[in-house]
């Protein structure tokens, strides 16, 4: 033990250059991932200056005139921006509150299954929707919820109920979007919780059972504390991306009738920059402001998590 501690102390006291020379092969493996990170994650960040310029294609990024915060002033004076932010917060908040609860409940229930064959079957079935593309998944939803020929219409007909066109109801959009996301990612998101639960030693369950602990108490005092650190980290990351709902599925599910509930920041920025007015500067300003909000949210969530549970990202 003492020898191990001495070796660790020697490693930390060695100069960085000497450590690199001694482990050159390990550092060599870092070249490709670091290069990819710099090229595809950091280099494109130079394009954020478009938010502070009046961009024109002929002049390029560096040749476009600098306008400072004018694009952000335009952002806050547009009539639609308030509704867009409200829609984003409504859908994100709904998803953040419901999805972790459903995922954790599913993982705990699956962990309680004794039959390994049945558990594998359920896992396989629940993982499959994750690998369906967004376009196909939205197409499936439209077919199922079609009020004339879909399964929804058939069920309503059998029950003697008039099938309402849910795609034309603006207030139904958040429910359709959030629950379709939960359905598609339920099995995949539960993997990390199931992996955490698999680390619990069987002797701990046996000891609790001998002491007279019920299945609910074992779940409450063994399973839940085991996944709490994982839950806290994933929740912080989820809050940090609260304002960044993927626009692909929202865009595919949008109709002129549900637009007042379905227009979010990502789709609004996309339409401003690439569809309606080709205003790249305003579109970039919207995206940059959105990223700043996400940064603030993840910082607040991390602080609260560390204060309440002592668990945080940093």
Protein backbone atom coordinates (compact mmCIF):
# COMPACT_ATOMS: atom_id res chain seq x y z
CA UNK A 1 0.00 0.00 0.00
CA UNK A 2 2.81 2.35 0.94
CA UNK A 3 4.62 1.54 -2.31
CA UNK A 4 1.48 2.36 -4.32
CA UNK A 5 1.10 5.71 -2.55
CA UNK A 6 4.79 6.50 -3.18
CA UNK A 7 4.37 5.69 -6.89
CA UNK A 8 1.29 7.92 -7.09
CA UNK A 9 3.09 10.79 -5.39
CA UNK A 10 6.05 10.41 -7.76
CA UNK A 11 3.71 10.53 -10.78
CA UNK A 12 2.12 13.78 -9.58
CA UNK A 13 5.51 15.39 -8.84
CA UNK A 14 6.99 14.54 -12.26
CA UNK A 15 7.07 17.38 -14.80
CA UNK A 16 4.44 17.22 -17.53
CA UNK A 17 7.08 16.96 -20.28
CA UNK A 18 8.64 13.90 -18.63
CA UNK A 19 5.25 12.24 -18.16
CA UNK A 20 4.43 12.80 -21.84
CA UNK A 21 7.77 11.31 -22.95
CA UNK A 22 7.29 8.27 -20.73
CA UNK A 23 3.71 7.67 -21.92
CA UNK A 24 4.03 9.00 -25.47
CA UNK A 25 2.00 6.13 -26.94
CA UNK A 26 -1.00 6.93 -24.72
CA UNK A 27 -0.83 10.63 -25.54
CA UNK A 28 -0.54 9.75 -29.22
CA UNK A 29 -3.98 8.14 -29.03
CA UNK A 30 -5.42 11.53 -28.02
CA UNK A 31 -4.40 13.27 -31.24
CA UNK A 32 -7.35 12.10 -33.36
CA UNK A 33 -10.15 12.80 -30.82
CA UNK A 34 -8.63 16.16 -29.88
CA UNK A 35 -8.28 17.09 -33.56
CA UNK A 36 -11.90 16.12 -34.23
CA UNK A 37 -13.02 18.16 -31.22
CA UNK A 38 -11.10 21.23 -32.39
CA UNK A 39 -12.24 20.95 -36.02
CA UNK A 40 -15.92 20.13 -35.52
CA UNK A 41 -16.70 21.72 -32.12
CA UNK A 42 -14.41 24.69 -31.56
CA UNK A 43 -13.52 25.95 -35.04
CA UNK A 44 -17.21 26.46 -36.02
CA UNK A 45 -17.56 28.73 -32.98
CA UNK A 46 -15.83 31.46 -34.99
CA UNK A 47 -19.11 31.65 -36.89
CA UNK A 48 -20.86 32.99 -33.78
CA UNK A 49 -19.61 36.44 -34.70
CA UNK A 50 -22.35 36.46 -37.37
CA UNK A 51 -24.68 37.33 -34.48
CA UNK A 52 -22.81 40.64 -34.14
CA UNK A 53 -22.61 41.40 -37.87
CA UNK A 54 -24.99 42.17 -40.72
CA UNK A 55 -24.09 39.09 -42.67
CA UNK A 56 -24.02 39.07 -46.45
CA UNK A 57 -22.84 36.17 -48.57
CA UNK A 58 -20.66 38.29 -50.86
CA UNK A 59 -18.58 39.70 -48.02
CA UNK A 60 -18.43 36.51 -46.00
CA UNK A 61 -18.15 36.41 -42.22
CA UNK A 62 -15.10 38.66 -41.93
CA UNK A 63 -16.23 41.04 -44.67
CA UNK A 64 -19.72 41.67 -43.27
CA UNK A 65 -20.20 44.95 -41.37
CA UNK A 66 -20.09 44.88 -37.56
CA UNK A 67 -23.38 45.95 -35.96
CA UNK A 68 -22.76 45.04 -32.31
CA UNK A 69 -25.90 44.16 -30.36
CA UNK A 70 -28.37 45.31 -33.04
CA UNK A 71 -29.41 41.74 -33.87
CA UNK A 72 -30.18 41.04 -30.22
CA UNK A 73 -32.27 44.23 -30.04
CA UNK A 74 -34.20 42.98 -33.06
CA UNK A 75 -34.59 39.61 -31.34
CA UNK A 76 -36.24 41.11 -28.26
CA UNK A 77 -38.48 43.44 -30.25
CA UNK A 78 -40.02 40.77 -32.49
CA UNK A 79 -43.63 40.01 -31.64
CA UNK A 80 -43.26 36.25 -31.87
CA UNK A 81 -40.27 35.75 -29.60
CA UNK A 82 -42.26 35.76 -26.33
CA UNK A 83 -44.61 33.02 -27.51
CA UNK A 84 -41.67 31.02 -28.86
CA UNK A 85 -39.89 31.14 -25.49
CA UNK A 86 -43.06 30.18 -23.64
CA UNK A 87 -43.60 27.20 -25.97
CA UNK A 88 -39.99 26.07 -25.51
CA UNK A 89 -40.16 26.28 -21.72
CA UNK A 90 -43.57 24.58 -21.64
CA UNK A 91 -42.46 21.58 -23.73
CA UNK A 92 -38.99 21.29 -22.13
CA UNK A 93 -40.34 21.59 -18.59
CA UNK A 94 -42.97 18.97 -19.34
CA UNK A 95 -40.35 16.58 -20.72
CA UNK A 96 -37.85 17.19 -17.90
CA UNK A 97 -40.48 16.51 -15.23
CA UNK A 98 -42.05 13.43 -16.80
CA UNK A 99 -39.30 11.58 -18.69
CA UNK A 100 -36.89 10.93 -15.75
CA UNK A 101 -39.74 9.64 -13.56
CA UNK A 102 -40.99 7.23 -16.25
CA UNK A 103 -37.45 6.07 -17.09
CA UNK A 104 -36.43 5.45 -13.47
CA UNK A 105 -39.71 3.65 -12.75
CA UNK A 106 -39.21 1.41 -15.80
CA UNK A 107 -35.60 0.64 -14.79
CA UNK A 108 -36.60 -0.23 -11.21
CA UNK A 109 -39.46 -2.44 -12.38
CA UNK A 110 -37.24 -4.21 -14.90
CA UNK A 111 -34.56 -4.74 -12.27
CA UNK A 112 -37.14 -6.42 -10.03
CA UNK A 113 -37.93 -9.06 -12.67
CA UNK A 114 -36.43 -12.45 -11.70
CA UNK A 115 -36.78 -14.19 -15.08
CA UNK A 116 -33.69 -13.30 -17.13
CA UNK A 117 -35.37 -14.47 -20.35
CA UNK A 118 -38.39 -12.19 -19.81
CA UNK A 119 -36.10 -9.30 -18.82
CA UNK A 120 -34.06 -9.63 -22.02
CA UNK A 121 -37.25 -9.78 -24.09
CA UNK A 122 -38.62 -6.60 -22.51
CA UNK A 123 -35.26 -4.83 -22.91
CA UNK A 124 -35.04 -5.77 -26.60
CA UNK A 125 -38.59 -4.59 -27.31
CA UNK A 126 -38.07 -1.32 -25.42
CA UNK A 127 -34.74 -0.59 -27.16
CA UNK A 128 -36.08 -1.04 -30.68
CA UNK A 129 -37.95 2.31 -31.06
CA UNK A 130 -34.71 4.19 -30.33
CA UNK A 131 -33.27 3.01 -33.65
CA UNK A 132 -36.24 4.22 -35.68
CA UNK A 133 -35.45 7.43 -37.55
CA UNK A 134 -37.33 10.58 -36.60
CA UNK A 135 -39.05 10.79 -39.99
CA UNK A 136 -40.29 7.20 -39.78
CA UNK A 137 -41.40 7.63 -36.17
CA UNK A 138 -43.48 10.72 -36.98
CA UNK A 139 -44.97 8.86 -39.96
CA UNK A 140 -45.96 5.99 -37.66
CA UNK A 141 -47.58 8.45 -35.25
CA UNK A 142 -49.55 10.06 -38.05
CA UNK A 143 -50.81 6.67 -39.20
CA UNK A 144 -51.76 5.51 -35.70
CA UNK A 145 -53.49 8.76 -34.74
CA UNK A 146 -55.26 9.28 -38.06
CA UNK A 147 -58.90 10.03 -37.16
CA UNK A 148 -60.23 8.22 -40.24
CA UNK A 149 -58.12 5.12 -40.93
CA UNK A 150 -55.73 4.87 -37.97
CA UNK A 151 -55.82 2.57 -34.95
CA UNK A 152 -57.05 5.54 -32.94
CA UNK A 153 -60.06 5.90 -35.28
CA UNK A 154 -60.83 2.15 -35.10
CA UNK A 155 -60.74 2.14 -31.29
CA UNK A 156 -62.96 5.22 -31.08
CA UNK A 157 -65.40 3.63 -33.53
CA UNK A 158 -65.60 0.44 -31.42
CA UNK A 159 -66.25 2.52 -28.31
CA UNK A 160 -68.86 4.63 -30.07
CA UNK A 161 -66.82 7.82 -29.64
CA UNK A 162 -66.28 10.47 -32.30
CA UNK A 163 -62.58 10.48 -33.25
CA UNK A 164 -61.23 14.00 -32.96
CA UNK A 165 -58.34 15.04 -35.20
CA UNK A 166 -55.64 15.43 -32.52
CA UNK A 167 -53.19 16.93 -35.03
CA UNK A 168 -55.50 19.92 -35.41
CA UNK A 169 -55.64 20.59 -31.64
CA UNK A 170 -52.86 23.04 -30.69
CA UNK A 171 -53.01 22.13 -26.97
CA UNK A 172 -52.47 18.45 -27.83
CA UNK A 173 -49.06 19.06 -29.41
CA UNK A 174 -46.97 19.11 -26.17
CA UNK A 175 -48.49 15.79 -25.09
CA UNK A 176 -47.94 14.18 -28.50
CA UNK A 177 -44.35 15.38 -28.68
CA UNK A 178 -43.26 14.55 -25.12
CA UNK A 179 -44.87 11.11 -24.89
CA UNK A 180 -43.59 10.10 -28.32
CA UNK A 181 -40.07 11.06 -27.17
CA UNK A 182 -40.53 9.05 -23.97
CA UNK A 183 -41.79 6.03 -25.90
CA UNK A 184 -38.95 6.16 -28.39
CA UNK A 185 -36.14 6.57 -25.82
CA UNK A 186 -37.53 4.71 -22.79
CA UNK A 187 -35.47 1.54 -23.16
CA UNK A 188 -32.32 3.30 -24.30
CA UNK A 189 -32.39 5.88 -21.48
CA UNK A 190 -32.96 3.17 -18.88
CA UNK A 191 -29.70 1.36 -19.79
CA UNK A 192 -27.55 3.55 -17.56
CA UNK A 193 -29.89 3.06 -14.58
CA UNK A 194 -30.01 -0.70 -15.10
CA UNK A 195 -26.19 -0.72 -15.28
CA UNK A 196 -26.02 1.19 -11.99
CA UNK A 197 -28.48 -1.22 -10.35
CA UNK A 198 -26.46 -4.23 -11.54
CA UNK A 199 -23.57 -3.04 -9.37
CA UNK A 200 -25.53 -3.76 -6.19
CA UNK A 201 -24.26 -6.94 -4.53
CA UNK A 202 -26.78 -9.75 -4.13
CA UNK A 203 -25.68 -10.23 -0.51
CA UNK A 204 -27.10 -6.80 0.28
CA UNK A 205 -30.55 -7.84 -0.97
CA UNK A 206 -30.30 -11.14 0.89
CA UNK A 207 -29.34 -9.42 4.14
CA UNK A 208 -32.21 -6.96 3.79
CA UNK A 209 -34.63 -9.82 3.10
CA UNK A 210 -33.42 -11.73 6.16
CA UNK A 211 -33.94 -8.59 8.25
CA UNK A 212 -37.56 -8.56 7.11
CA UNK A 213 -37.39 -5.72 4.57
CA UNK A 214 -40.26 -5.82 2.07
CA UNK A 215 -39.69 -5.48 -1.67
CA UNK A 216 -40.77 -1.84 -1.47
CA UNK A 217 -38.34 -1.09 1.36
CA UNK A 218 -35.51 -2.79 -0.53
CA UNK A 219 -36.34 -0.61 -3.51
CA UNK A 220 -36.51 2.50 -1.31
CA UNK A 221 -33.36 1.93 0.75
CA UNK A 222 -31.13 0.00 -1.68
CA UNK A 223 -32.14 0.56 -5.31
CA UNK A 224 -33.07 4.21 -5.20
CA UNK A 225 -29.92 5.42 -3.31
CA UNK A 226 -27.83 3.43 -5.81
CA UNK A 227 -29.18 5.29 -8.84
CA UNK A 228 -29.47 8.69 -7.13
CA UNK A 229 -26.00 9.95 -8.20
CA UNK A 230 -26.68 8.85 -11.79
CA UNK A 231 -30.12 10.47 -11.70
CA UNK A 232 -28.67 13.75 -10.39
CA UNK A 233 -26.00 13.97 -13.11
CA UNK A 234 -28.44 13.13 -15.91
CA UNK A 235 -30.98 15.60 -14.53
CA UNK A 236 -28.38 18.40 -14.48
CA UNK A 237 -27.45 17.64 -18.10
CA UNK A 238 -31.13 17.55 -19.04
CA UNK A 239 -31.75 20.96 -17.46
CA UNK A 240 -28.67 22.28 -19.25
CA UNK A 241 -30.24 21.41 -22.60
CA UNK A 242 -33.69 22.60 -21.58
CA UNK A 243 -33.89 25.27 -24.29
CA UNK A 244 -32.43 23.05 -27.01
CA UNK A 245 -35.24 20.77 -28.07
CA UNK A 246 -34.37 18.93 -31.27
CA UNK A 247 -36.06 20.78 -34.09
CA UNK A 248 -36.33 17.82 -36.48
CA UNK A 249 -39.26 16.09 -34.80
CA UNK A 250 -40.99 19.36 -33.90
CA UNK A 251 -40.67 20.54 -37.49
CA UNK A 252 -42.12 17.29 -38.83
CA UNK A 253 -45.04 17.39 -36.37
CA UNK A 254 -45.90 21.04 -37.02
CA UNK A 255 -49.05 22.02 -38.87
CA UNK A 256 -50.54 25.48 -39.51
CA UNK A 257 -53.17 24.65 -36.88
CA UNK A 258 -50.81 23.78 -33.99
CA UNK A 259 -48.13 26.38 -34.79
CA UNK A 260 -49.05 28.60 -31.83
CA UNK A 261 -48.05 25.75 -29.47
CA UNK A 262 -45.36 24.02 -31.54
CA UNK A 263 -43.13 26.90 -32.63
CA UNK A 264 -40.00 26.69 -30.44
CA UNK A 265 -36.64 28.48 -30.43
CA UNK A 266 -34.81 25.94 -32.61
CA UNK A 267 -37.51 25.85 -35.31
CA UNK A 268 -37.94 29.63 -35.19
CA UNK A 269 -34.18 30.15 -35.60
CA UNK A 270 -34.11 27.63 -38.46
CA UNK A 271 -36.96 29.34 -40.29
CA UNK A 272 -35.51 32.82 -39.79
CA UNK A 273 -32.05 31.82 -41.01
CA UNK A 274 -32.85 29.38 -43.81
CA UNK A 275 -36.49 29.55 -44.88
CA UNK A 276 -38.45 32.77 -44.48
CA UNK A 277 -36.07 35.73 -44.68
CA UNK A 278 -32.60 34.11 -44.91
CA UNK A 279 -31.56 36.37 -42.03
CA UNK A 280 -28.46 34.50 -40.89
CA UNK A 281 -27.48 37.20 -38.40
CA UNK A 282 -30.78 37.12 -36.51
CA UNK A 283 -30.91 33.31 -36.64
CA UNK A 284 -27.40 33.10 -35.14
CA UNK A 285 -28.30 35.67 -32.48
CA UNK A 286 -31.30 33.54 -31.45
CA UNK A 287 -29.15 30.40 -31.24
CA UNK A 288 -26.41 32.18 -29.28
CA UNK A 289 -28.88 33.63 -26.79
CA UNK A 290 -30.39 30.16 -26.43
CA UNK A 291 -26.95 28.67 -25.66
CA UNK A 292 -26.28 31.32 -23.01
CA UNK A 293 -29.57 30.45 -21.29
CA UNK A 294 -28.63 26.76 -21.34
CA UNK A 295 -25.25 27.57 -19.76
CA UNK A 296 -26.92 29.55 -16.98
CA UNK A 297 -29.48 26.78 -16.39
CA UNK A 298 -26.86 24.02 -16.11
CA UNK A 299 -24.88 26.16 -13.66
CA UNK A 300 -27.97 26.77 -11.49
CA UNK A 301 -29.01 23.10 -11.66
CA UNK A 302 -25.51 21.98 -10.64
CA UNK A 303 -25.47 24.41 -7.70
CA UNK A 304 -28.90 23.27 -6.49
CA UNK A 305 -28.00 19.60 -6.89
CA UNK A 306 -24.79 20.00 -4.87
CA UNK A 307 -26.66 21.94 -2.17
CA UNK A 308 -29.51 19.42 -1.88
CA UNK A 309 -27.83 16.06 -2.49
CA UNK A 310 -24.10 16.83 -2.54
CA UNK A 311 -23.85 15.52 -6.12
CA UNK A 312 -22.77 17.69 -9.04
CA UNK A 313 -20.84 17.77 -12.30
CA UNK A 314 -18.09 19.98 -10.87
